[in-house]
Amino acid sequence: MELRRKEMILRSIPDLIVVFDSSGSMSFVSQSASRFLNYTSCELENTSFWDRLTEDSVRLIKSAFMDALAVKRKPEDDTTPLADGEPISVRIIDKDDDKEKGLPFALKGVVHFAADSPECVCTLCPETPNAKRDMAHSNANQVSDGSRC
C-alpha cells in the first residue's frame, strides 16, 4: 500500500522524471512525458534513453554517469549528484523531431546506489533561450516559462 502511494505521488509530479541504468534502459518515466514529448510514459519505459537523445547528449550523460560512479563516497551515502548538481543541456528526440536537432532540455539528477546496480534518477525541464541565465539567477530554480527545474 505504501509503495503504491509513493508511486502515485511520483507519477503526479508535473516535471519530467526519468530513471535509467548505465545501459540507458529506462525503468521509470513520469506521466508528464506526454506533456513535453509525443510519447506516453508507457511507450518510453523499458526502452533505451540513449535512443531518445542526440549523440552529443548521450556522450554528456554517459560521462557524467561514469564520473558520478567514480566519486569516493561514504558507505552510508546512497546517492551522488550528476555533474556536481549542475544542469546538463541535452536534446531529446521526439517522435516527429529531426534526429540531428532534438528538443532542448536541462537534465539534473543523481546516481542512486541502493539497488543491485546504480540507476540515474533525473528531472528534465524544457530549456528556453534564457533558461541557463534564468536558472543561475533564480533562488527558486524557476525557468523563465514558469516550469520548475
Protein backbone atom coordinates (compact mmCIF):
# COMPACT_ATOMS: atom_id res chain seq x y z
CA MET A 1 0.00 0.00 0.00
CA GLU A 2 2.83 2.39 0.91
CA LEU A 3 4.69 1.57 -2.31
CA ARG A 4 1.57 2.25 -4.37
CA ARG A 5 1.09 5.59 -2.56
CA LYS A 6 4.67 6.62 -3.31
CA GLU A 7 4.34 5.62 -6.95
CA MET A 8 1.14 7.69 -7.28
CA ILE A 9 2.92 10.70 -5.77
CA LEU A 10 5.87 10.27 -8.10
CA ARG A 11 3.65 9.86 -11.16
CA SER A 12 1.72 13.04 -10.30
CA ILE A 13 4.79 15.34 -10.24
CA PRO A 14 4.48 17.75 -13.19
CA ASP A 15 8.20 17.67 -14.10
CA LEU A 16 9.51 15.04 -16.49
CA ILE A 17 11.24 12.39 -14.39
CA VAL A 18 13.28 9.57 -15.87
CA VAL A 19 15.07 6.67 -14.15
CA PHE A 20 17.63 4.75 -16.19
CA ASP A 21 20.58 2.44 -15.62
CA SER A 22 24.12 2.57 -17.02
CA SER A 23 22.98 0.84 -20.23
CA GLY A 24 20.36 3.57 -20.76
CA SER A 25 17.36 1.31 -20.08
CA MET A 26 14.53 3.44 -18.66
CA SER A 27 12.75 1.71 -15.80
CA PHE A 28 10.52 4.69 -14.97
CA VAL A 29 9.20 7.67 -16.95
CA SER A 30 6.74 10.05 -15.32
CA GLN A 31 3.24 10.54 -16.69
CA SER A 32 4.25 14.10 -17.66
CA ALA A 33 6.22 12.72 -20.63
CA SER A 34 3.19 13.28 -22.84
CA ARG A 35 3.13 16.94 -21.80
CA PHE A 36 6.67 17.50 -23.09
CA LEU A 37 7.05 14.88 -25.82
CA ASN A 38 4.90 12.98 -28.31
CA TYR A 39 5.34 9.82 -26.23
CA THR A 40 3.45 8.34 -23.31
CA SER A 41 5.35 7.08 -20.30
CA CYS A 42 4.37 3.51 -21.27
CA GLU A 43 5.92 3.96 -24.73
CA LEU A 44 9.22 5.05 -23.17
CA GLU A 45 9.56 2.68 -20.20
CA ASN A 46 11.80 -0.32 -20.88
CA THR A 47 13.32 1.36 -23.93
CA SER A 48 16.75 2.94 -24.31
CA PHE A 49 17.18 6.52 -23.15
CA TRP A 50 20.21 6.66 -25.46
CA ASP A 51 17.90 6.11 -28.47
CA ARG A 52 15.87 9.18 -27.46
CA LEU A 53 18.85 11.55 -27.30
CA THR A 54 21.21 13.15 -29.79
CA GLU A 55 24.70 11.62 -29.93
CA ASP A 56 26.27 14.60 -28.13
CA SER A 57 23.71 14.32 -25.34
CA VAL A 58 24.39 10.61 -24.90
CA ARG A 59 28.12 11.32 -24.55
CA LEU A 60 27.49 14.05 -21.96
CA ILE A 61 25.20 11.91 -19.82
CA LYS A 62 27.39 8.80 -20.03
CA SER A 63 30.39 10.86 -19.00
CA ALA A 64 28.52 12.43 -16.06
CA PHE A 65 27.23 8.98 -15.03
CA MET A 66 30.75 7.50 -15.09
CA ASP A 67 32.14 10.48 -13.16
CA ALA A 68 29.44 10.00 -10.51
CA LEU A 69 30.30 6.31 -10.23
CA ALA A 70 33.98 7.18 -9.70
CA VAL A 71 33.31 9.63 -6.84
CA LYS A 72 34.51 8.36 -3.48
CA ARG A 73 31.60 8.34 -1.09
CA LYS A 74 30.89 7.19 2.44
CA PRO A 75 29.31 3.73 2.78
CA GLU A 76 26.09 5.29 4.10
CA ASP A 77 25.77 7.61 1.07
CA ASP A 78 23.36 6.09 -1.42
CA THR A 79 23.37 8.92 -3.99
CA THR A 80 25.86 11.08 -5.83
CA PRO A 81 24.81 14.09 -7.93
CA LEU A 82 25.41 14.10 -11.67
CA ALA A 83 27.71 16.90 -12.87
CA ASP A 84 28.17 18.18 -9.30
CA GLY A 85 24.47 19.05 -9.23
CA GLU A 86 24.67 21.39 -12.22
CA PRO A 87 22.14 21.08 -15.06
CA ILE A 88 23.30 19.30 -18.20
CA SER A 89 21.95 20.63 -21.50
CA VAL A 90 20.63 17.70 -23.52
CA ARG A 91 18.50 17.28 -26.61
CA ILE A 92 15.67 14.73 -26.66
CA ILE A 93 14.47 13.34 -29.97
CA ASP A 94 10.70 13.42 -30.20
CA LYS A 95 8.66 11.12 -32.48
CA ASP A 96 8.35 13.78 -35.17
CA ASP A 97 11.66 15.50 -34.45
CA ASP A 98 14.78 15.77 -36.56
CA LYS A 99 17.28 13.12 -35.33
CA GLU A 100 20.13 15.62 -35.52
CA LYS A 101 18.49 18.51 -33.67
CA GLY A 102 16.33 17.30 -30.78
CA LEU A 103 14.35 19.34 -28.25
CA PRO A 104 16.45 21.20 -25.64
CA PHE A 105 16.12 20.14 -22.00
CA ALA A 106 18.07 20.78 -18.81
CA LEU A 107 18.77 17.49 -17.01
CA LYS A 108 19.56 17.35 -13.30
CA GLY A 109 19.93 14.12 -11.44
CA VAL A 110 21.62 11.78 -9.04
CA VAL A 111 23.07 8.33 -9.32
CA HIS A 112 21.32 6.10 -6.80
CA PHE A 113 23.31 3.16 -5.40
CA ALA A 114 20.74 1.42 -3.17
CA ALA A 115 19.57 -1.08 -5.82
CA ASP A 116 21.58 -4.01 -7.23
CA SER A 117 23.02 -1.78 -9.94
CA PRO A 118 23.33 2.02 -9.98
CA GLU A 119 20.48 3.98 -11.52
CA CYS A 120 20.25 7.60 -12.54
CA VAL A 121 17.18 9.47 -11.29
CA CYS A 122 16.69 12.71 -13.26
CA THR A 123 14.36 15.60 -13.77
CA LEU A 124 14.22 17.16 -17.22
CA CYS A 125 12.94 20.68 -17.81
CA PRO A 126 12.46 22.22 -21.24
CA GLU A 127 15.10 24.84 -21.91
CA THR A 128 14.15 28.28 -23.12
CA PRO A 129 16.72 30.54 -24.82
CA ASN A 130 17.42 32.24 -21.47
CA ALA A 131 16.99 29.16 -19.25
CA LYS A 132 20.63 28.86 -18.17
CA ARG A 133 20.81 32.55 -17.23
CA ASP A 134 17.42 32.39 -15.53
CA MET A 135 18.40 29.29 -13.57
CA ALA A 136 21.65 30.90 -12.43
CA HIS A 137 19.82 33.99 -11.15
CA SER A 138 16.84 32.28 -9.57
CA ASN A 139 17.00 31.11 -5.98
CA ALA A 140 13.82 29.11 -6.53
CA ASN A 141 15.25 27.32 -9.58
CA GLN A 142 12.46 28.61 -11.81
CA VAL A 143 12.85 28.64 -15.59
CA SER A 144 11.53 31.75 -17.35
CA ASP A 145 8.46 29.91 -18.65
CA GLY A 146 7.42 29.07 -15.10
CA SER A 147 8.35 25.38 -15.14
CA ARG A 148 10.43 24.06 -12.27
CA CYS A 149 13.89 22.67 -12.65
